[in-house]
Amino acid sequence: MLKAERYRHFVEYFSKNQPDAVTELHYNNPYQLLVAVILSAQCTDKRINQITPALFERYPDAYALAASDADEIFNYIRSVSYPNNKAKHLAGMSKMLVEKFNGEVPANHADLQSLPGVGRKTANVIVSVVFDAPAIAVDTHVFRVANRIGLTRATNPLQSEKQLVANLPQDTLAVAHHWLILHGRYICVARTPKCEICPLTWFCKYYAQQNTETALLKAEALKIRKAKDARKKKALNAIASELARHSVDKDI
């Protein structure tokens, strides 16, 4: 299948079945989304949504957050991954928002990436979600799923981003980010993708590779080898038990 066809099938399926896919992070304004995305690095959205209500109540805007310090912020985010670093990032980010941007979240990549804790991925999330810019953020889910389906052939997130931007219709870039994330989070999971319930297998490159005759033969051989190993282990355990029983009888 040609790459253009694969992209067309991808867009057609999700446009029909998940046309309004959005982030699972809870937020009410650009400031809250920026904070939530910074916190979400290497952490689940579920965890972030558990701690942000109290955080946003205590720090309702950039001015309130800037008036605090990393030690106090840490108390509100201690259950997320890397809380020390993230507390420092939030403290520095909010102070810069106040000092350089009048407490408002900037709308361009350069300004966003000048903020502590904000890299390319976070900047892409903000400009696409908040400012409707044609950008796509590539996290581990997007990188993995895009490669598996065959949309990209990338060895790093930047390559993946460039290939997706070059091949997806611009008006789908922002929502495609969510399509790929949600598909990777619930179906095309990292260790054991749920191909048996995936609606994309008919054009998925990964599925085709895993179901070639050679792959199926390898899988069957592995199954047989595991069965043999299990029988061998069972036999050795039986011998060990018998030797232990005889040893007890001898002591008696």
C-alpha atoms as a PDB file:
ATOM      1  CA  MET A   1       0.000   0.000   0.000  1.00  0.00           C
ATOM      2  CA  LEU A   2       1.286   3.443  -0.914  1.00  0.00           C
ATOM      3  CA  LYS A   3       1.970   5.904   1.918  1.00  0.00           C
ATOM      4  CA  ALA A   4      -0.582   8.382   0.541  1.00  0.00           C
ATOM      5  CA  GLU A   5      -3.274   5.688   0.661  1.00  0.00           C
ATOM      6  CA  ARG A   6      -2.381   4.795   4.243  1.00  0.00           C
ATOM      7  CA  TYR A   7      -2.659   8.447   5.295  1.00  0.00           C
ATOM      8  CA  ARG A   8      -5.993   8.756   3.496  1.00  0.00           C
ATOM      9  CA  HIS A   9      -7.416   5.678   5.228  1.00  0.00           C
ATOM     10  CA  PHE A  10      -6.122   6.938   8.597  1.00  0.00           C
ATOM     11  CA  VAL A  11      -7.741  10.355   8.232  1.00  0.00           C
ATOM     12  CA  GLU A  12     -10.995   8.925   6.850  1.00  0.00           C
ATOM     13  CA  TYR A  13     -11.411   6.454   9.705  1.00  0.00           C
ATOM     14  CA  PHE A  14     -10.776   8.883  12.552  1.00  0.00           C
ATOM     15  CA  SER A  15     -12.616  11.791  10.914  1.00  0.00           C
ATOM     16  CA  LYS A  16     -15.688   9.572  10.878  1.00  0.00           C
ATOM     17  CA  ASN A  17     -15.268   7.823  14.229  1.00  0.00           C
ATOM     18  CA  GLN A  18     -13.465  10.361  16.455  1.00  0.00           C
ATOM     19  CA  PRO A  19     -13.971  13.739  14.777  1.00  0.00           C
ATOM     20  CA  ASP A  20     -13.829  15.701  18.022  1.00  0.00           C
ATOM     21  CA  ALA A  21     -10.979  13.961  19.859  1.00  0.00           C
ATOM     22  CA  VAL A  22      -9.451  16.187  22.535  1.00  0.00           C
ATOM     23  CA  THR A  23      -6.846  15.976  25.270  1.00  0.00           C
ATOM     24  CA  GLU A  24      -7.781  14.040  28.404  1.00  0.00           C
ATOM     25  CA  LEU A  25      -6.097  16.671  30.567  1.00  0.00           C
ATOM     26  CA  HIS A  26      -8.580  18.862  32.446  1.00  0.00           C
ATOM     27  CA  TYR A  27      -8.127  22.618  32.019  1.00  0.00           C
ATOM     28  CA  ASN A  28     -10.164  25.806  31.689  1.00  0.00           C
ATOM     29  CA  ASN A  29      -7.704  28.258  30.139  1.00  0.00           C
ATOM     30  CA  PRO A  30      -4.280  28.416  28.408  1.00  0.00           C
ATOM     31  CA  TYR A  31      -2.419  28.876  31.704  1.00  0.00           C
ATOM     32  CA  GLN A  32      -3.962  25.726  33.176  1.00  0.00           C
ATOM     33  CA  LEU A  33      -3.242  23.715  30.037  1.00  0.00           C
ATOM     34  CA  LEU A  34       0.393  24.852  30.035  1.00  0.00           C
ATOM     35  CA  VAL A  35       0.807  23.815  33.676  1.00  0.00           C
ATOM     36  CA  ALA A  36      -0.920  20.465  33.072  1.00  0.00           C
ATOM     37  CA  VAL A  37       1.189  19.635  30.027  1.00  0.00           C
ATOM     38  CA  ILE A  38       4.427  20.457  31.857  1.00  0.00           C
ATOM     39  CA  LEU A  39       3.340  18.163  34.684  1.00  0.00           C
ATOM     40  CA  SER A  40       2.257  15.388  32.310  1.00  0.00           C
ATOM     41  CA  ALA A  41       5.769  14.626  31.043  1.00  0.00           C
ATOM     42  CA  GLN A  42       6.421  10.934  31.764  1.00  0.00           C
ATOM     43  CA  CYS A  43       3.270  10.804  33.871  1.00  0.00           C
ATOM     44  CA  THR A  44      -0.330   9.762  33.177  1.00  0.00           C
ATOM     45  CA  ASP A  45      -3.095  12.241  32.436  1.00  0.00           C
ATOM     46  CA  LYS A  46      -5.171  10.490  35.097  1.00  0.00           C
ATOM     47  CA  ARG A  47      -2.606  11.322  37.769  1.00  0.00           C
ATOM     48  CA  ILE A  48      -2.322  14.936  36.588  1.00  0.00           C
ATOM     49  CA  ASN A  49      -6.096  15.368  36.700  1.00  0.00           C
ATOM     50  CA  GLN A  50      -6.078  14.136  40.283  1.00  0.00           C
ATOM     51  CA  ILE A  51      -3.682  16.802  41.536  1.00  0.00           C
ATOM     52  CA  THR A  52      -4.488  19.853  39.395  1.00  0.00           C
ATOM     53  CA  PRO A  53      -7.804  20.854  41.058  1.00  0.00           C
ATOM     54  CA  ALA A  54      -6.061  21.695  44.350  1.00  0.00           C
ATOM     55  CA  LEU A  55      -3.094  23.188  42.479  1.00  0.00           C
ATOM     56  CA  PHE A  56      -5.298  25.497  40.400  1.00  0.00           C
ATOM     57  CA  GLU A  57      -7.366  26.482  43.410  1.00  0.00           C
ATOM     58  CA  ARG A  58      -4.196  27.576  45.203  1.00  0.00           C
ATOM     59  CA  TYR A  59      -2.637  29.129  42.080  1.00  0.00           C
ATOM     60  CA  PRO A  60      -5.483  30.331  39.827  1.00  0.00           C
ATOM     61  CA  ASP A  61      -3.194  32.254  37.466  1.00  0.00           C
ATOM     62  CA  ALA A  62       0.437  32.875  36.597  1.00  0.00           C
ATOM     63  CA  TYR A  63       0.683  35.752  39.088  1.00  0.00           C
ATOM     64  CA  ALA A  64      -0.337  33.547  42.007  1.00  0.00           C
ATOM     65  CA  LEU A  65       2.087  30.804  40.924  1.00  0.00           C
ATOM     66  CA  ALA A  66       4.917  33.313  40.440  1.00  0.00           C
ATOM     67  CA  ALA A  67       4.416  34.603  43.982  1.00  0.00           C
ATOM     68  CA  SER A  68       5.111  31.115  45.325  1.00  0.00           C
ATOM     69  CA  ASP A  69       8.304  29.049  45.247  1.00  0.00           C
ATOM     70  CA  ALA A  70       9.362  25.549  44.239  1.00  0.00           C
ATOM     71  CA  ASP A  71       9.212  24.203  47.793  1.00  0.00           C
ATOM     72  CA  GLU A  72       5.573  25.179  48.234  1.00  0.00           C
ATOM     73  CA  ILE A  73       4.581  24.054  44.741  1.00  0.00           C
ATOM     74  CA  PHE A  74       6.202  20.681  45.442  1.00  0.00           C
ATOM     75  CA  ASN A  75       3.635  19.997  48.171  1.00  0.00           C
ATOM     76  CA  TYR A  76       0.850  20.100  45.578  1.00  0.00           C
ATOM     77  CA  ILE A  77       2.567  17.930  42.959  1.00  0.00           C
ATOM     78  CA  ARG A  78       4.549  15.455  45.053  1.00  0.00           C
ATOM     79  CA  SER A  79       2.674  12.452  43.598  1.00  0.00           C
ATOM     80  CA  VAL A  80       3.647  13.125  39.959  1.00  0.00           C
ATOM     81  CA  SER A  81       6.836  11.912  38.330  1.00  0.00           C
ATOM     82  CA  TYR A  82       9.964  14.038  38.966  1.00  0.00           C
ATOM     83  CA  PRO A  83       8.162  16.486  41.305  1.00  0.00           C
ATOM     84  CA  ASN A  84      11.318  18.369  42.332  1.00  0.00           C
ATOM     85  CA  ASN A  85      12.256  19.289  38.772  1.00  0.00           C
ATOM     86  CA  LYS A  86       8.673  20.076  37.808  1.00  0.00           C
ATOM     87  CA  ALA A  87       8.177  22.312  40.844  1.00  0.00           C
ATOM     88  CA  LYS A  88      11.269  24.293  39.809  1.00  0.00           C
ATOM     89  CA  HIS A  89      10.013  24.463  36.211  1.00  0.00           C
ATOM     90  CA  LEU A  90       6.588  25.751  37.267  1.00  0.00           C
ATOM     91  CA  ALA A  91       8.122  28.368  39.550  1.00  0.00           C
ATOM     92  CA  GLY A  92      10.484  29.590  36.821  1.00  0.00           C
ATOM     93  CA  MET A  93       7.866  29.378  34.076  1.00  0.00           C
ATOM     94  CA  SER A  94       5.317  31.451  35.978  1.00  0.00           C
ATOM     95  CA  LYS A  95       7.852  34.144  36.890  1.00  0.00           C
ATOM     96  CA  MET A  96       8.852  34.475  33.245  1.00  0.00           C
ATOM     97  CA  LEU A  97       5.203  34.601  32.159  1.00  0.00           C
ATOM     98  CA  VAL A  98       4.664  37.517  34.536  1.00  0.00           C
ATOM     99  CA  GLU A  99       7.889  39.359  33.795  1.00  0.00           C
ATOM    100  CA  LYS A 100       8.021  38.945  30.001  1.00  0.00           C
ATOM    101  CA  PHE A 101       4.475  38.175  28.858  1.00  0.00           C
ATOM    102  CA  ASN A 102       2.199  40.024  31.311  1.00  0.00           C
ATOM    103  CA  GLY A 103       0.990  36.739  32.751  1.00  0.00           C
ATOM    104  CA  GLU A 104      -0.348  35.524  29.385  1.00  0.00           C
ATOM    105  CA  VAL A 105       0.665  32.337  27.578  1.00  0.00           C
ATOM    106  CA  PRO A 106       2.544  33.309  24.376  1.00  0.00           C
ATOM    107  CA  ALA A 107       1.289  32.086  21.017  1.00  0.00           C
ATOM    108  CA  ASN A 108       4.508  31.161  19.208  1.00  0.00           C
ATOM    109  CA  HIS A 109       7.064  28.378  19.505  1.00  0.00           C
ATOM    110  CA  ALA A 110      10.084  30.550  20.226  1.00  0.00           C
ATOM    111  CA  ASP A 111       8.511  32.366  23.151  1.00  0.00           C
ATOM    112  CA  LEU A 112       6.980  29.190  24.553  1.00  0.00           C
ATOM    113  CA  GLN A 113      10.257  27.274  24.390  1.00  0.00           C
ATOM    114  CA  SER A 114      11.999  30.093  26.229  1.00  0.00           C
ATOM    115  CA  LEU A 115       9.935  29.147  29.295  1.00  0.00           C
ATOM    116  CA  PRO A 116      11.432  26.716  31.851  1.00  0.00           C
ATOM    117  CA  GLY A 117      10.033  23.207  31.436  1.00  0.00           C
ATOM    118  CA  VAL A 118       8.676  23.852  27.936  1.00  0.00           C
ATOM    119  CA  GLY A 119      10.201  21.873  25.086  1.00  0.00           C
ATOM    120  CA  ARG A 120       9.121  21.397  21.502  1.00  0.00           C
ATOM    121  CA  LYS A 121       6.410  18.859  22.319  1.00  0.00           C
ATOM    122  CA  THR A 122       4.761  21.074  24.943  1.00  0.00           C
ATOM    123  CA  ALA A 123       5.005  24.121  22.676  1.00  0.00           C
ATOM    124  CA  ASN A 124       3.312  22.200  19.869  1.00  0.00           C
ATOM    125  CA  VAL A 125       0.481  21.166  22.193  1.00  0.00           C
ATOM    126  CA  ILE A 126      -0.133  24.767  23.235  1.00  0.00           C
ATOM    127  CA  VAL A 127      -0.008  26.368  19.777  1.00  0.00           C
ATOM    128  CA  SER A 128      -2.222  23.671  18.248  1.00  0.00           C
ATOM    129  CA  VAL A 129      -4.797  23.325  21.032  1.00  0.00           C
ATOM    130  CA  VAL A 130      -4.990  26.919  22.257  1.00  0.00           C
ATOM    131  CA  PHE A 131      -4.129  28.897  19.140  1.00  0.00           C
ATOM    132  CA  ASP A 132      -5.307  26.449  16.448  1.00  0.00           C
ATOM    133  CA  ALA A 133      -1.932  26.519  14.673  1.00  0.00           C
ATOM    134  CA  PRO A 134      -1.037  23.727  12.192  1.00  0.00           C
ATOM    135  CA  ALA A 135       1.317  21.784  14.461  1.00  0.00           C
ATOM    136  CA  ILE A 136       1.461  18.287  15.878  1.00  0.00           C
ATOM    137  CA  ALA A 137       3.084  17.278  19.154  1.00  0.00           C
ATOM    138  CA  VAL A 138       4.925  13.954  19.101  1.00  0.00           C
ATOM    139  CA  ASP A 139       5.098  12.077  22.384  1.00  0.00           C
ATOM    140  CA  THR A 140       5.882   8.387  22.915  1.00  0.00           C
ATOM    141  CA  HIS A 141       2.363   7.302  21.882  1.00  0.00           C
ATOM    142  CA  VAL A 142       2.344   9.365  18.684  1.00  0.00           C
ATOM    143  CA  PHE A 143       5.871   8.261  17.776  1.00  0.00           C
ATOM    144  CA  ARG A 144       5.096   4.560  18.339  1.00  0.00           C
ATOM    145  CA  VAL A 145       1.686   4.425  16.653  1.00  0.00           C
ATOM    146  CA  ALA A 146       2.674   6.486  13.618  1.00  0.00           C
ATOM    147  CA  ASN A 147       5.634   4.168  13.000  1.00  0.00           C
ATOM    148  CA  ARG A 148       3.591   1.022  13.532  1.00  0.00           C
ATOM    149  CA  ILE A 149       0.748   2.021  11.243  1.00  0.00           C
ATOM    150  CA  GLY A 150       3.252   3.018   8.591  1.00  0.00           C
ATOM    151  CA  LEU A 151       2.546   6.744   8.525  1.00  0.00           C
ATOM    152  CA  THR A 152       6.155   7.465   9.399  1.00  0.00           C
ATOM    153  CA  ARG A 153       9.531   5.836   9.212  1.00  0.00           C
ATOM    154  CA  ALA A 154      11.310   7.741  11.944  1.00  0.00           C
ATOM    155  CA  THR A 155      14.039   7.133  14.489  1.00  0.00           C
ATOM    156  CA  ASN A 156      13.264  10.134  16.696  1.00  0.00           C
ATOM    157  CA  PRO A 157      10.285  12.403  17.508  1.00  0.00           C
ATOM    158  CA  LEU A 158      11.480  15.309  15.350  1.00  0.00           C
ATOM    159  CA  GLN A 159      11.669  13.096  12.259  1.00  0.00           C
ATOM    160  CA  SER A 160       8.205  11.777  13.057  1.00  0.00           C
ATOM    161  CA  GLU A 161       6.821  15.299  13.459  1.00  0.00           C
ATOM    162  CA  LYS A 162       8.265  16.469  10.134  1.00  0.00           C
ATOM    163  CA  GLN A 163       6.883  13.458   8.266  1.00  0.00           C
ATOM    164  CA  LEU A 164       3.423  13.834   9.797  1.00  0.00           C
ATOM    165  CA  VAL A 165       3.323  17.567   9.035  1.00  0.00           C
ATOM    166  CA  ALA A 166       4.391  16.896   5.456  1.00  0.00           C
ATOM    167  CA  ASN A 167       1.750  14.246   4.800  1.00  0.00           C
ATOM    168  CA  LEU A 168      -1.320  15.058   6.897  1.00  0.00           C
ATOM    169  CA  PRO A 169      -3.807  17.725   5.757  1.00  0.00           C
ATOM    170  CA  GLN A 170      -2.977  20.854   7.777  1.00  0.00           C
ATOM    171  CA  ASP A 171      -6.483  21.148   9.150  1.00  0.00           C
ATOM    172  CA  THR A 172      -6.161  17.684  10.749  1.00  0.00           C
ATOM    173  CA  LEU A 173      -2.773  18.121  12.445  1.00  0.00           C
ATOM    174  CA  ALA A 174      -4.076  19.204  15.844  1.00  0.00           C
ATOM    175  CA  VAL A 175      -6.756  16.527  16.094  1.00  0.00           C
ATOM    176  CA  ALA A 176      -4.468  13.857  14.604  1.00  0.00           C
ATOM    177  CA  HIS A 177      -2.248  14.337  17.650  1.00  0.00           C
ATOM    178  CA  HIS A 178      -5.158  13.214  19.830  1.00  0.00           C
ATOM    179  CA  TRP A 179      -6.156  10.408  17.440  1.00  0.00           C
ATOM    180  CA  LEU A 180      -2.693   8.891  17.696  1.00  0.00           C
ATOM    181  CA  ILE A 181      -2.348   9.415  21.457  1.00  0.00           C
ATOM    182  CA  LEU A 182      -5.709   7.863  22.304  1.00  0.00           C
ATOM    183  CA  HIS A 183      -5.164   4.957  19.917  1.00  0.00           C
ATOM    184  CA  GLY A 184      -1.764   4.329  21.493  1.00  0.00           C
ATOM    185  CA  ARG A 185      -3.099   4.673  25.024  1.00  0.00           C
ATOM    186  CA  TYR A 186      -6.002   2.242  24.680  1.00  0.00           C
ATOM    187  CA  ILE A 187      -5.412  -0.061  21.698  1.00  0.00           C
ATOM    188  CA  CYS A 188      -1.935   0.137  20.160  1.00  0.00           C
ATOM    189  CA  VAL A 189      -0.237  -0.144  23.544  1.00  0.00           C
ATOM    190  CA  ALA A 190       3.524  -0.467  23.808  1.00  0.00           C
ATOM    191  CA  ARG A 191       4.151  -4.040  24.932  1.00  0.00           C
ATOM    192  CA  THR A 192       1.225  -6.046  23.596  1.00  0.00           C
ATOM    193  CA  PRO A 193      -0.859  -4.099  21.078  1.00  0.00           C
ATOM    194  CA  LYS A 194      -4.517  -5.155  21.023  1.00  0.00           C
ATOM    195  CA  CYS A 195      -4.574  -6.009  17.333  1.00  0.00           C
ATOM    196  CA  GLU A 196      -7.576  -8.293  17.826  1.00  0.00           C
ATOM    197  CA  ILE A 197      -9.820  -5.265  18.472  1.00  0.00           C
ATOM    198  CA  CYS A 198      -8.016  -2.695  16.341  1.00  0.00           C
ATOM    199  CA  PRO A 199     -10.052  -1.298  13.409  1.00  0.00           C
ATOM    200  CA  LEU A 200      -6.906  -0.280  11.507  1.00  0.00           C
ATOM    201  CA  THR A 201      -5.297  -3.685  10.980  1.00  0.00           C
ATOM    202  CA  TRP A 202      -6.395  -3.886   7.351  1.00  0.00           C
ATOM    203  CA  PHE A 203      -3.961  -1.098   6.437  1.00  0.00           C
ATOM    204  CA  CYS A 204      -1.517  -1.288   9.368  1.00  0.00           C
ATOM    205  CA  LYS A 205       2.072  -2.041   8.402  1.00  0.00           C
ATOM    206  CA  TYR A 206       2.928  -3.538  11.802  1.00  0.00           C
ATOM    207  CA  TYR A 207      -0.019  -5.936  11.674  1.00  0.00           C
ATOM    208  CA  ALA A 208       0.907  -7.067   8.178  1.00  0.00           C
ATOM    209  CA  GLN A 209       4.497  -7.734   9.236  1.00  0.00           C
ATOM    210  CA  GLN A 210       3.398  -9.677  12.317  1.00  0.00           C
ATOM    211  CA  ASN A 211       1.049 -11.867  10.282  1.00  0.00           C
ATOM    212  CA  THR A 212       3.238 -12.921   7.390  1.00  0.00           C
ATOM    213  CA  GLU A 213       3.813 -16.662   6.974  1.00  0.00           C
ATOM    214  CA  THR A 214       7.337 -16.340   8.402  1.00  0.00           C
ATOM    215  CA  ALA A 215       6.122 -14.444  11.450  1.00  0.00           C
ATOM    216  CA  LEU A 216       3.376 -16.969  12.096  1.00  0.00           C
ATOM    217  CA  LEU A 217       5.856 -19.851  11.812  1.00  0.00           C
ATOM    218  CA  LYS A 218       8.183 -18.122  14.280  1.00  0.00           C
ATOM    219  CA  ALA A 219       5.302 -17.574  16.680  1.00  0.00           C
ATOM    220  CA  GLU A 220       4.308 -21.242  16.458  1.00  0.00           C
ATOM    221  CA  ALA A 221       7.913 -22.344  17.014  1.00  0.00           C
ATOM    222  CA  LEU A 222       8.126 -20.099  20.066  1.00  0.00           C
ATOM    223  CA  LYS A 223       4.890 -21.564  21.398  1.00  0.00           C
ATOM    224  CA  ILE A 224       6.233 -25.111  20.984  1.00  0.00           C
ATOM    225  CA  ARG A 225       9.543 -24.183  22.640  1.00  0.00           C
ATOM    226  CA  LYS A 226       7.732 -22.616  25.604  1.00  0.00           C
ATOM    227  CA  ALA A 227       5.586 -25.757  25.974  1.00  0.00           C
ATOM    228  CA  LYS A 228       8.718 -27.943  25.963  1.00  0.00           C
ATOM    229  CA  ASP A 229      10.395 -25.704  28.528  1.00  0.00           C
ATOM    230  CA  ALA A 230       7.310 -25.899  30.729  1.00  0.00           C
ATOM    231  CA  ARG A 231       7.262 -29.704  30.551  1.00  0.00           C
ATOM    232  CA  LYS A 232      10.979 -29.854  31.303  1.00  0.00           C
ATOM    233  CA  LYS A 233      10.566 -27.554  34.298  1.00  0.00           C
ATOM    234  CA  LYS A 234       7.666 -29.656  35.557  1.00  0.00           C
ATOM    235  CA  ALA A 235       9.750 -32.843  35.249  1.00  0.00           C
ATOM    236  CA  LEU A 236      12.707 -31.287  37.075  1.00  0.00           C
ATOM    237  CA  ASN A 237      10.416 -30.091  39.853  1.00  0.00           C
ATOM    238  CA  ALA A 238       9.003 -33.608  40.194  1.00  0.00           C
ATOM    239  CA  ILE A 239      12.521 -35.061  40.454  1.00  0.00           C
ATOM    240  CA  ALA A 240      13.486 -32.465  43.055  1.00  0.00           C
ATOM    241  CA  SER A 241      10.389 -33.258  45.081  1.00  0.00           C
ATOM    242  CA  GLU A 242      11.115 -36.976  44.911  1.00  0.00           C
ATOM    243  CA  LEU A 243      14.718 -36.487  46.030  1.00  0.00           C
ATOM    244  CA  ALA A 244      13.538 -34.300  48.904  1.00  0.00           C
ATOM    245  CA  ARG A 245      11.032 -36.954  49.952  1.00  0.00           C
ATOM    246  CA  HIS A 246      13.680 -39.687  49.923  1.00  0.00           C
ATOM    247  CA  SER A 247      15.994 -37.458  51.943  1.00  0.00           C
ATOM    248  CA  VAL A 248      13.295 -37.042  54.583  1.00  0.00           C
ATOM    249  CA  ASP A 249      12.613 -40.798  54.645  1.00  0.00           C
ATOM    250  CA  LYS A 250      16.333 -41.517  55.106  1.00  0.00           C
ATOM    251  CA  ASP A 251      16.547 -39.070  58.038  1.00  0.00           C
ATOM    252  CA  ILE A 252      13.597 -40.847  59.667  1.00  0.00           C
END
